[in-house]
Amino acid sequence: MTDITFVRVGHGFLYLSAILDLYNNEIIAWKLGERNDLQLVLETVKQVKAPTALLHSDQGFQYTTRAYAKLLADQQLKESHSRRGNCFDNACIESFFSHLKTEKLHLAKPKDVAEVERLIEEYIDYYNHERFQKKLGDLSPVEYREAIAS
């Protein structure tokens, strides 16, 4: 599942594109950019190394372009989109964005791009490796994936 959110930095905004694996809620790719555009999304998707996976998004302009569809086909990813006007279809990634902002970014109030990037990287590492989730049996996403694999 993928989406984009804005991140306040000083008096402006940056945009975070992220991909969340619904199997274990792990963030498997992310990219921070100054513009909410197609290039940001494409650079995020290029990080995915999971052929035949289904990549779900809303119907934002970036996700309905030919370039996006071509990249997914090139990477052997299947395309899926939310129903028009249904915000509940993206609830999982919106929940992650909410946790990121309330547990890290709003507390730190980053002043520049480097600080935002560092805070996001720290939080994603924490979220993936340490932050337990009730629906994963009180394991972190990585702990859950590793437990299932063993």
C-alpha atoms as a PDB file:
ATOM      1  CA  MET A   1       0.000   0.000   0.000  1.00  0.00           C
ATOM      2  CA  THR A   2       1.365   3.416  -0.914  1.00  0.00           C
ATOM      3  CA  ASP A   3       0.488   7.048  -0.356  1.00  0.00           C
ATOM      4  CA  ILE A   4       1.972  10.507   0.175  1.00  0.00           C
ATOM      5  CA  THR A   5       1.717  12.862   3.129  1.00  0.00           C
ATOM      6  CA  PHE A   6       3.026  16.345   3.773  1.00  0.00           C
ATOM      7  CA  VAL A   7       5.595  17.053   6.477  1.00  0.00           C
ATOM      8  CA  ARG A   8       5.971  20.500   7.987  1.00  0.00           C
ATOM      9  CA  VAL A   9       9.534  21.790   8.077  1.00  0.00           C
ATOM     10  CA  GLY A  10      10.130  25.289   9.404  1.00  0.00           C
ATOM     11  CA  HIS A  11       7.649  27.474   7.511  1.00  0.00           C
ATOM     12  CA  GLY A  12       7.246  25.127   4.548  1.00  0.00           C
ATOM     13  CA  PHE A  13       6.436  21.559   3.616  1.00  0.00           C
ATOM     14  CA  LEU A  14       8.110  18.445   2.285  1.00  0.00           C
ATOM     15  CA  TYR A  15       6.358  15.363   0.965  1.00  0.00           C
ATOM     16  CA  LEU A  16       6.852  11.795   2.141  1.00  0.00           C
ATOM     17  CA  SER A  17       6.001   8.935  -0.201  1.00  0.00           C
ATOM     18  CA  ALA A  18       5.951   5.563   1.544  1.00  0.00           C
ATOM     19  CA  ILE A  19       5.089   1.950   0.828  1.00  0.00           C
ATOM     20  CA  LEU A  20       3.732  -0.247   3.604  1.00  0.00           C
ATOM     21  CA  ASP A  21       3.607  -4.048   3.336  1.00  0.00           C
ATOM     22  CA  LEU A  22       0.141  -5.088   4.505  1.00  0.00           C
ATOM     23  CA  TYR A  23       1.413  -8.547   5.448  1.00  0.00           C
ATOM     24  CA  ASN A  24       3.232  -7.236   8.511  1.00  0.00           C
ATOM     25  CA  ASN A  25       2.816  -3.421   8.361  1.00  0.00           C
ATOM     26  CA  GLU A  26       6.518  -2.939   7.604  1.00  0.00           C
ATOM     27  CA  ILE A  27       7.584   0.193   5.736  1.00  0.00           C
ATOM     28  CA  ILE A  28       9.523  -1.293   2.808  1.00  0.00           C
ATOM     29  CA  ALA A  29      10.273   1.903   0.857  1.00  0.00           C
ATOM     30  CA  TRP A  30      10.117   5.643   1.347  1.00  0.00           C
ATOM     31  CA  LYS A  31      11.313   8.849  -0.261  1.00  0.00           C
ATOM     32  CA  LEU A  32      11.215  12.451   0.886  1.00  0.00           C
ATOM     33  CA  GLY A  33      10.848  15.220  -1.686  1.00  0.00           C
ATOM     34  CA  GLU A  34      10.184  18.900  -2.103  1.00  0.00           C
ATOM     35  CA  ARG A  35       7.330  18.290  -4.549  1.00  0.00           C
ATOM     36  CA  ASN A  36       4.264  16.072  -4.460  1.00  0.00           C
ATOM     37  CA  ASP A  37       4.798  14.789  -7.983  1.00  0.00           C
ATOM     38  CA  LEU A  38       5.124  11.705 -10.156  1.00  0.00           C
ATOM     39  CA  GLN A  39       8.921  11.594  -9.799  1.00  0.00           C
ATOM     40  CA  LEU A  40       8.637  11.238  -6.009  1.00  0.00           C
ATOM     41  CA  VAL A  41       6.307   8.251  -6.428  1.00  0.00           C
ATOM     42  CA  LEU A  42       8.442   6.612  -9.114  1.00  0.00           C
ATOM     43  CA  GLU A  43      11.593   6.913  -6.998  1.00  0.00           C
ATOM     44  CA  THR A  44       9.763   5.285  -4.088  1.00  0.00           C
ATOM     45  CA  VAL A  45       8.439   2.387  -6.180  1.00  0.00           C
ATOM     46  CA  LYS A  46      11.899   1.721  -7.653  1.00  0.00           C
ATOM     47  CA  GLN A  47      13.016   0.658  -4.150  1.00  0.00           C
ATOM     48  CA  VAL A  48      10.545  -2.253  -4.047  1.00  0.00           C
ATOM     49  CA  LYS A  49      12.133  -5.658  -4.568  1.00  0.00           C
ATOM     50  CA  ALA A  50       9.080  -7.928  -4.401  1.00  0.00           C
ATOM     51  CA  PRO A  51       8.056  -9.216  -7.820  1.00  0.00           C
ATOM     52  CA  THR A  52       4.412 -10.235  -8.261  1.00  0.00           C
ATOM     53  CA  ALA A  53       3.361  -8.172  -5.229  1.00  0.00           C
ATOM     54  CA  LEU A  54       0.183  -6.121  -5.366  1.00  0.00           C
ATOM     55  CA  LEU A  55       0.741  -2.384  -4.879  1.00  0.00           C
ATOM     56  CA  HIS A  56      -2.391  -0.570  -3.749  1.00  0.00           C
ATOM     57  CA  SER A  57      -2.853   3.209  -3.903  1.00  0.00           C
ATOM     58  CA  ASP A  58      -5.567   5.795  -3.982  1.00  0.00           C
ATOM     59  CA  GLN A  59      -6.534   7.391  -7.293  1.00  0.00           C
ATOM     60  CA  GLY A  60      -4.194  10.361  -6.924  1.00  0.00           C
ATOM     61  CA  PHE A  61      -2.847  11.799 -10.158  1.00  0.00           C
ATOM     62  CA  GLN A  62       0.594  10.233  -9.658  1.00  0.00           C
ATOM     63  CA  TYR A  63      -0.849   6.725  -9.392  1.00  0.00           C
ATOM     64  CA  THR A  64      -3.001   6.891 -12.525  1.00  0.00           C
ATOM     65  CA  THR A  65      -0.321   7.879 -15.038  1.00  0.00           C
ATOM     66  CA  ARG A  66       1.072   5.702 -17.799  1.00  0.00           C
ATOM     67  CA  ALA A  67       4.578   6.129 -16.372  1.00  0.00           C
ATOM     68  CA  TYR A  68       3.463   4.677 -13.020  1.00  0.00           C
ATOM     69  CA  ALA A  69       1.683   1.746 -14.689  1.00  0.00           C
ATOM     70  CA  LYS A  70       4.749   1.075 -16.864  1.00  0.00           C
ATOM     71  CA  LEU A  71       7.127   1.088 -13.891  1.00  0.00           C
ATOM     72  CA  LEU A  72       4.894  -1.349 -12.003  1.00  0.00           C
ATOM     73  CA  ALA A  73       4.760  -3.633 -15.062  1.00  0.00           C
ATOM     74  CA  ASP A  74       8.544  -3.390 -15.492  1.00  0.00           C
ATOM     75  CA  GLN A  75       9.020  -4.404 -11.848  1.00  0.00           C
ATOM     76  CA  GLN A  76       6.398  -7.166 -12.124  1.00  0.00           C
ATOM     77  CA  LEU A  77       4.135  -5.469  -9.589  1.00  0.00           C
ATOM     78  CA  LYS A  78       0.358  -5.631  -9.868  1.00  0.00           C
ATOM     79  CA  GLU A  79      -1.584  -2.371  -9.707  1.00  0.00           C
ATOM     80  CA  SER A  80      -4.592  -1.790  -7.448  1.00  0.00           C
ATOM     81  CA  HIS A  81      -6.533   1.397  -6.671  1.00  0.00           C
ATOM     82  CA  SER A  82      -8.984   2.498  -4.005  1.00  0.00           C
ATOM     83  CA  ARG A  83     -12.583   3.068  -4.849  1.00  0.00           C
ATOM     84  CA  ARG A  84     -13.211   6.660  -5.842  1.00  0.00           C
ATOM     85  CA  GLY A  85     -13.894   8.857  -2.823  1.00  0.00           C
ATOM     86  CA  ASN A  86     -13.334   6.095  -0.254  1.00  0.00           C
ATOM     87  CA  CYS A  87     -10.671   7.149   2.249  1.00  0.00           C
ATOM     88  CA  PHE A  88     -11.058   3.904   4.244  1.00  0.00           C
ATOM     89  CA  ASP A  89      -9.226   1.940   1.531  1.00  0.00           C
ATOM     90  CA  ASN A  90      -5.952   3.639   2.536  1.00  0.00           C
ATOM     91  CA  ALA A  91      -6.503   3.522   6.290  1.00  0.00           C
ATOM     92  CA  CYS A  92      -3.411   1.420   7.058  1.00  0.00           C
ATOM     93  CA  ILE A  93      -0.873   3.807   5.559  1.00  0.00           C
ATOM     94  CA  GLU A  94      -2.771   6.843   6.853  1.00  0.00           C
ATOM     95  CA  SER A  95      -2.489   5.285  10.315  1.00  0.00           C
ATOM     96  CA  PHE A  96       1.285   4.951   9.891  1.00  0.00           C
ATOM     97  CA  PHE A  97       1.557   8.605   8.808  1.00  0.00           C
ATOM     98  CA  SER A  98      -0.461   9.636  11.869  1.00  0.00           C
ATOM     99  CA  HIS A  99       1.842   7.680  14.207  1.00  0.00           C
ATOM    100  CA  LEU A 100       4.945   9.148  12.538  1.00  0.00           C
ATOM    101  CA  LYS A 101       3.676  12.683  12.967  1.00  0.00           C
ATOM    102  CA  THR A 102       2.303  12.410  16.512  1.00  0.00           C
ATOM    103  CA  GLU A 103       5.072  10.223  17.964  1.00  0.00           C
ATOM    104  CA  LYS A 104       8.048  11.907  16.278  1.00  0.00           C
ATOM    105  CA  LEU A 105       7.674  14.874  13.949  1.00  0.00           C
ATOM    106  CA  HIS A 106       5.234  17.043  15.929  1.00  0.00           C
ATOM    107  CA  LEU A 107       7.325  16.573  19.056  1.00  0.00           C
ATOM    108  CA  ALA A 108      10.625  17.453  17.378  1.00  0.00           C
ATOM    109  CA  LYS A 109       9.380  20.303  15.148  1.00  0.00           C
ATOM    110  CA  PRO A 110      12.203  19.899  12.603  1.00  0.00           C
ATOM    111  CA  LYS A 111      13.769  23.072  11.200  1.00  0.00           C
ATOM    112  CA  ASP A 112      15.446  21.809   8.000  1.00  0.00           C
ATOM    113  CA  VAL A 113      15.390  19.039   5.400  1.00  0.00           C
ATOM    114  CA  ALA A 114      18.317  17.123   6.913  1.00  0.00           C
ATOM    115  CA  GLU A 115      16.609  17.012  10.309  1.00  0.00           C
ATOM    116  CA  VAL A 116      13.303  15.833   8.807  1.00  0.00           C
ATOM    117  CA  GLU A 117      15.064  13.084   6.879  1.00  0.00           C
ATOM    118  CA  ARG A 118      16.979  11.953   9.973  1.00  0.00           C
ATOM    119  CA  LEU A 119      13.821  11.907  12.112  1.00  0.00           C
ATOM    120  CA  ILE A 120      11.848   9.939   9.530  1.00  0.00           C
ATOM    121  CA  GLU A 121      14.667   7.424   9.106  1.00  0.00           C
ATOM    122  CA  GLU A 122      14.907   6.991  12.891  1.00  0.00           C
ATOM    123  CA  TYR A 123      11.167   6.564  13.257  1.00  0.00           C
ATOM    124  CA  ILE A 124      10.834   4.040  10.420  1.00  0.00           C
ATOM    125  CA  ASP A 125      13.670   1.991  11.906  1.00  0.00           C
ATOM    126  CA  TYR A 126      11.940   2.113  15.303  1.00  0.00           C
ATOM    127  CA  TYR A 127       8.525   1.363  13.772  1.00  0.00           C
ATOM    128  CA  ASN A 128       9.796  -1.617  11.770  1.00  0.00           C
ATOM    129  CA  HIS A 129      12.076  -3.139  14.417  1.00  0.00           C
ATOM    130  CA  GLU A 130      10.790  -2.140  17.862  1.00  0.00           C
ATOM    131  CA  ARG A 131       7.255  -0.727  17.894  1.00  0.00           C
ATOM    132  CA  PHE A 132       5.004  -3.651  18.786  1.00  0.00           C
ATOM    133  CA  GLN A 133       1.597  -3.964  17.186  1.00  0.00           C
ATOM    134  CA  LYS A 134      -1.355  -5.675  18.824  1.00  0.00           C
ATOM    135  CA  LYS A 135      -2.549  -7.283  15.587  1.00  0.00           C
ATOM    136  CA  LEU A 136       0.915  -8.833  15.120  1.00  0.00           C
ATOM    137  CA  GLY A 137       0.758 -10.557  18.514  1.00  0.00           C
ATOM    138  CA  ASP A 138       2.629  -7.704  20.227  1.00  0.00           C
ATOM    139  CA  LEU A 139       5.596  -8.096  17.858  1.00  0.00           C
ATOM    140  CA  SER A 140       7.185  -5.441  15.685  1.00  0.00           C
ATOM    141  CA  PRO A 141       6.724  -5.828  11.914  1.00  0.00           C
ATOM    142  CA  VAL A 142      10.227  -7.269  11.449  1.00  0.00           C
ATOM    143  CA  GLU A 143       9.897  -9.568  14.467  1.00  0.00           C
ATOM    144  CA  TYR A 144       6.601 -10.846  13.068  1.00  0.00           C
ATOM    145  CA  ARG A 145       8.068 -11.463   9.590  1.00  0.00           C
ATOM    146  CA  GLU A 146      11.065 -13.272  11.068  1.00  0.00           C
ATOM    147  CA  ALA A 147       8.890 -15.378  13.400  1.00  0.00           C
ATOM    148  CA  ILE A 148       6.686 -16.515  10.517  1.00  0.00           C
ATOM    149  CA  ALA A 149       9.735 -17.294   8.345  1.00  0.00           C
ATOM    150  CA  SER A 150      11.373 -19.514  10.958  1.00  0.00           C
END
